[in-house]
Protein backbone atom coordinates (compact mmCIF):
# COMPACT_ATOMS: atom_id res chain seq x y z
CA MET A 1 34.22 -22.88 19.14
CA GLN A 2 36.90 -20.51 17.85
CA LYS A 3 39.56 -22.16 15.68
CA ARG A 4 43.06 -21.17 16.81
CA THR A 5 45.25 -19.56 14.17
CA PHE A 6 49.01 -19.99 14.52
CA ILE A 7 51.34 -17.24 13.30
CA ASN A 8 55.12 -16.98 12.90
CA ARG A 9 56.91 -18.82 15.75
CA GLN A 10 53.68 -20.42 17.04
CA ILE A 11 53.67 -22.80 14.04
CA ARG A 12 54.83 -26.25 15.17
CA ALA A 13 55.48 -28.02 11.84
CA LYS A 14 59.04 -28.56 10.55
CA GLU A 15 58.02 -28.07 6.90
CA VAL A 16 55.15 -25.99 5.51
CA ARG A 17 53.56 -25.41 2.10
CA VAL A 18 53.85 -21.67 1.50
CA VAL A 19 51.55 -19.35 -0.47
CA ASP A 20 52.54 -15.69 -0.87
CA GLU A 21 50.28 -12.62 -0.51
CA SER A 22 49.27 -12.66 -4.19
CA GLY A 23 48.23 -16.35 -4.02
CA ASN A 24 51.28 -17.86 -5.79
CA GLN A 25 52.56 -21.18 -4.45
CA LEU A 26 56.15 -21.04 -3.27
CA GLY A 27 56.24 -24.79 -2.61
CA VAL A 28 57.21 -26.78 0.48
CA LEU A 29 59.81 -24.95 2.59
CA THR A 30 61.28 -25.49 6.01
CA LEU A 31 59.70 -23.37 8.72
CA GLU A 32 62.87 -21.25 9.04
CA GLU A 33 62.98 -20.49 5.29
CA ALA A 34 59.29 -19.59 5.29
CA LEU A 35 59.70 -17.29 8.30
CA GLN A 36 62.71 -15.64 6.64
CA LYS A 37 60.72 -14.97 3.43
CA ALA A 38 57.88 -13.45 5.48
CA GLN A 39 60.30 -11.22 7.43
CA GLU A 40 61.97 -10.03 4.19
CA ARG A 41 58.58 -8.73 3.10
CA ASN A 42 57.70 -7.35 6.58
CA LEU A 43 54.68 -9.69 6.74
CA ASP A 44 53.55 -12.57 8.93
CA LEU A 45 53.51 -16.30 8.25
CA ILE A 46 49.99 -17.52 9.02
CA GLN A 47 48.99 -21.19 9.24
CA VAL A 48 45.81 -21.38 7.13
CA THR A 49 45.09 -25.08 7.56
CA SER A 50 46.68 -27.89 9.53
CA LYS A 51 44.46 -30.64 8.11
CA VAL A 52 46.94 -31.51 5.34
CA GLU A 53 50.54 -32.64 5.55
CA PRO A 54 52.54 -30.40 5.38
CA PRO A 55 50.28 -27.59 6.75
CA VAL A 56 49.46 -24.69 4.41
CA CYS A 57 50.79 -21.29 5.47
CA LYS A 58 50.25 -17.91 3.86
CA ILE A 59 52.56 -14.92 3.87
CA MET A 60 50.43 -11.85 4.59
CA ASP A 61 49.67 -9.18 7.19
CA TYR A 62 47.93 -10.77 10.21
CA GLY A 63 45.55 -7.82 10.61
CA LYS A 64 44.47 -8.15 7.00
CA PHE A 65 44.00 -11.90 7.49
CA LEU A 66 41.73 -11.33 10.53
CA TYR A 67 39.75 -8.70 8.61
CA GLN A 68 39.19 -11.07 5.66
CA GLN A 69 38.19 -13.89 8.02
CA LYS A 70 35.59 -11.68 9.78
CA LYS A 71 34.28 -10.54 6.40
CA ARG A 72 33.88 -14.18 5.27
CA GLU A 73 32.07 -15.11 8.50
CA LYS A 74 29.69 -12.15 8.07
CA GLU A 75 28.93 -13.22 4.48
CA SER A 76 28.16 -16.80 5.51
CA ALA A 77 25.98 -15.58 8.40
CA LYS A 78 24.07 -13.36 5.97
CA LYS A 79 23.37 -16.30 3.66
CA GLN A 80 22.13 -18.44 6.55
CA LYS A 81 19.67 -15.90 7.91
CA GLY A 82 16.33 -16.67 6.22
CA GLY A 83 15.03 -18.85 9.04
CA GLU A 84 14.01 -16.22 11.59
CA LEU A 85 10.43 -16.48 12.82
CA LYS A 86 8.44 -13.22 12.89
CA GLY A 87 5.01 -12.90 14.44
CA ILE A 88 1.79 -11.27 13.27
CA ARG A 89 -0.97 -11.13 15.86
CA LEU A 90 -4.54 -10.71 14.64
CA GLY A 91 -7.49 -9.68 16.74
CA PHE A 92 -10.89 -11.36 16.75
CA ASN A 93 -12.75 -8.15 15.85
CA MET A 94 -10.24 -6.66 13.39
CA ALA A 95 -11.59 -4.50 10.58
CA GLN A 96 -10.72 -5.12 6.90
CA HIS A 97 -8.23 -2.23 6.76
CA ASP A 98 -6.41 -3.48 9.86
CA LEU A 99 -6.05 -6.90 8.22
CA GLU A 100 -4.60 -5.22 5.11
CA VAL A 101 -2.04 -3.35 7.23
CA LYS A 102 -1.02 -6.60 8.95
CA ALA A 103 -0.83 -8.35 5.54
CA ARG A 104 1.58 -5.67 4.27
CA GLN A 105 3.70 -6.21 7.39
CA ALA A 106 3.71 -9.98 6.78
CA GLU A 107 4.66 -9.33 3.13
CA LYS A 108 7.67 -7.31 4.30
CA PHE A 109 8.76 -10.15 6.61
CA LEU A 110 8.38 -12.74 3.82
CA LYS A 111 10.37 -10.60 1.35
CA GLU A 112 13.20 -10.47 3.90
CA GLY A 113 13.19 -14.28 3.79
CA ASN A 114 11.70 -14.83 7.25
CA LYS A 115 8.95 -17.21 8.25
CA VAL A 116 5.80 -15.65 9.67
CA LYS A 117 3.73 -16.99 12.55
CA ILE A 118 0.14 -15.81 12.29
CA GLU A 119 -1.60 -15.81 15.64
CA LEU A 120 -5.22 -15.07 16.45
CA ARG A 121 -5.76 -14.88 20.20
CA LEU A 122 -9.20 -15.65 21.60
CA ARG A 123 -10.42 -14.34 24.95
CA GLY A 124 -13.46 -15.28 27.01
CA ARG A 125 -16.58 -15.95 24.91
CA GLU A 126 -14.55 -15.63 21.68
CA LYS A 127 -13.23 -19.16 22.35
CA ALA A 128 -16.67 -20.58 21.55
CA LEU A 129 -16.65 -18.91 18.11
CA GLY A 130 -13.84 -20.89 16.43
CA ASP A 131 -15.48 -20.83 12.99
CA HIS A 132 -15.50 -17.03 12.95
CA ALA A 133 -11.81 -17.02 13.98
CA ARG A 134 -10.88 -19.40 11.13
CA GLU A 135 -12.75 -17.16 8.68
CA LYS A 136 -10.77 -14.16 9.95
CA ILE A 137 -7.45 -15.97 9.35
CA ASN A 138 -8.60 -17.11 5.89
CA THR A 139 -9.60 -13.52 5.01
CA PHE A 140 -6.13 -12.38 6.10
CA LEU A 141 -4.50 -15.12 3.97
CA GLU A 142 -6.57 -14.10 0.91
CA ILE A 143 -5.38 -10.50 1.29
CA LEU A 144 -1.80 -11.71 1.70
CA GLN A 145 -2.05 -14.00 -1.36
CA LYS A 146 -2.80 -10.93 -3.52
CA LEU A 147 0.40 -9.27 -2.26
CA ILE A 148 2.89 -12.16 -2.30
CA PRO A 149 2.76 -15.91 -2.93
CA TYR A 150 3.37 -17.98 0.21
CA LYS A 151 3.26 -21.58 1.36
CA ALA A 152 1.97 -22.95 4.65
CA GLU A 153 4.72 -24.45 6.79
CA ARG A 154 2.12 -25.42 9.39
CA GLU A 155 -1.62 -25.33 8.72
CA ILE A 156 -4.08 -23.47 10.94
CA LYS A 157 -3.90 -25.18 14.32
CA ARG A 158 -6.28 -24.80 17.26
CA GLU A 159 -4.50 -24.07 20.52
CA PRO A 160 -5.89 -23.33 23.98
CA ARG A 161 -5.58 -19.57 23.51
CA GLY A 162 -6.64 -19.38 19.86
CA PHE A 163 -5.30 -20.29 16.43
CA THR A 164 -1.78 -20.25 14.97
CA MET A 165 -0.27 -20.88 11.57
CA ILE A 166 3.24 -20.59 10.12
CA ILE A 167 3.88 -19.49 6.53
CA SER A 168 6.99 -18.87 4.44
CA LYS A 169 7.85 -17.47 1.03
CA GLU A 170 7.23 -19.77 -1.95
């Protein structure tokens, strides 16, 4: 839901609290006085918030205001990231070196702040050898523990097609 920003003549209030481009408060002015001050400086009057009475308006260039708003949104989106789920798929007959390569990949994901879903798919007769599959995941986790500390979000869980587990950075 995009919040609508009112500028210049779109502002409906009779009186507004005005802040200039350098952040100094100019006090409560009538809308006409505020618009006149903005025009004297060749800038726009932008309604920043309408939640208070009178609404707060800022004298600044509208393009610059939009740029700063986008920049702020990008910053907050960056801070929220950390919850993406990345997947590492292990094979039943993986060699030690292959497990190490996958562990380094998982380490990279964890350092980026993502959660990692470890999946070991079982096919055919492999489904009867669940103990061996658990050992393979535990071997992978031991290798990973040497690279980076982690915590289990969800323990090793048996599913129809194999085993899964979710880990995240400590």
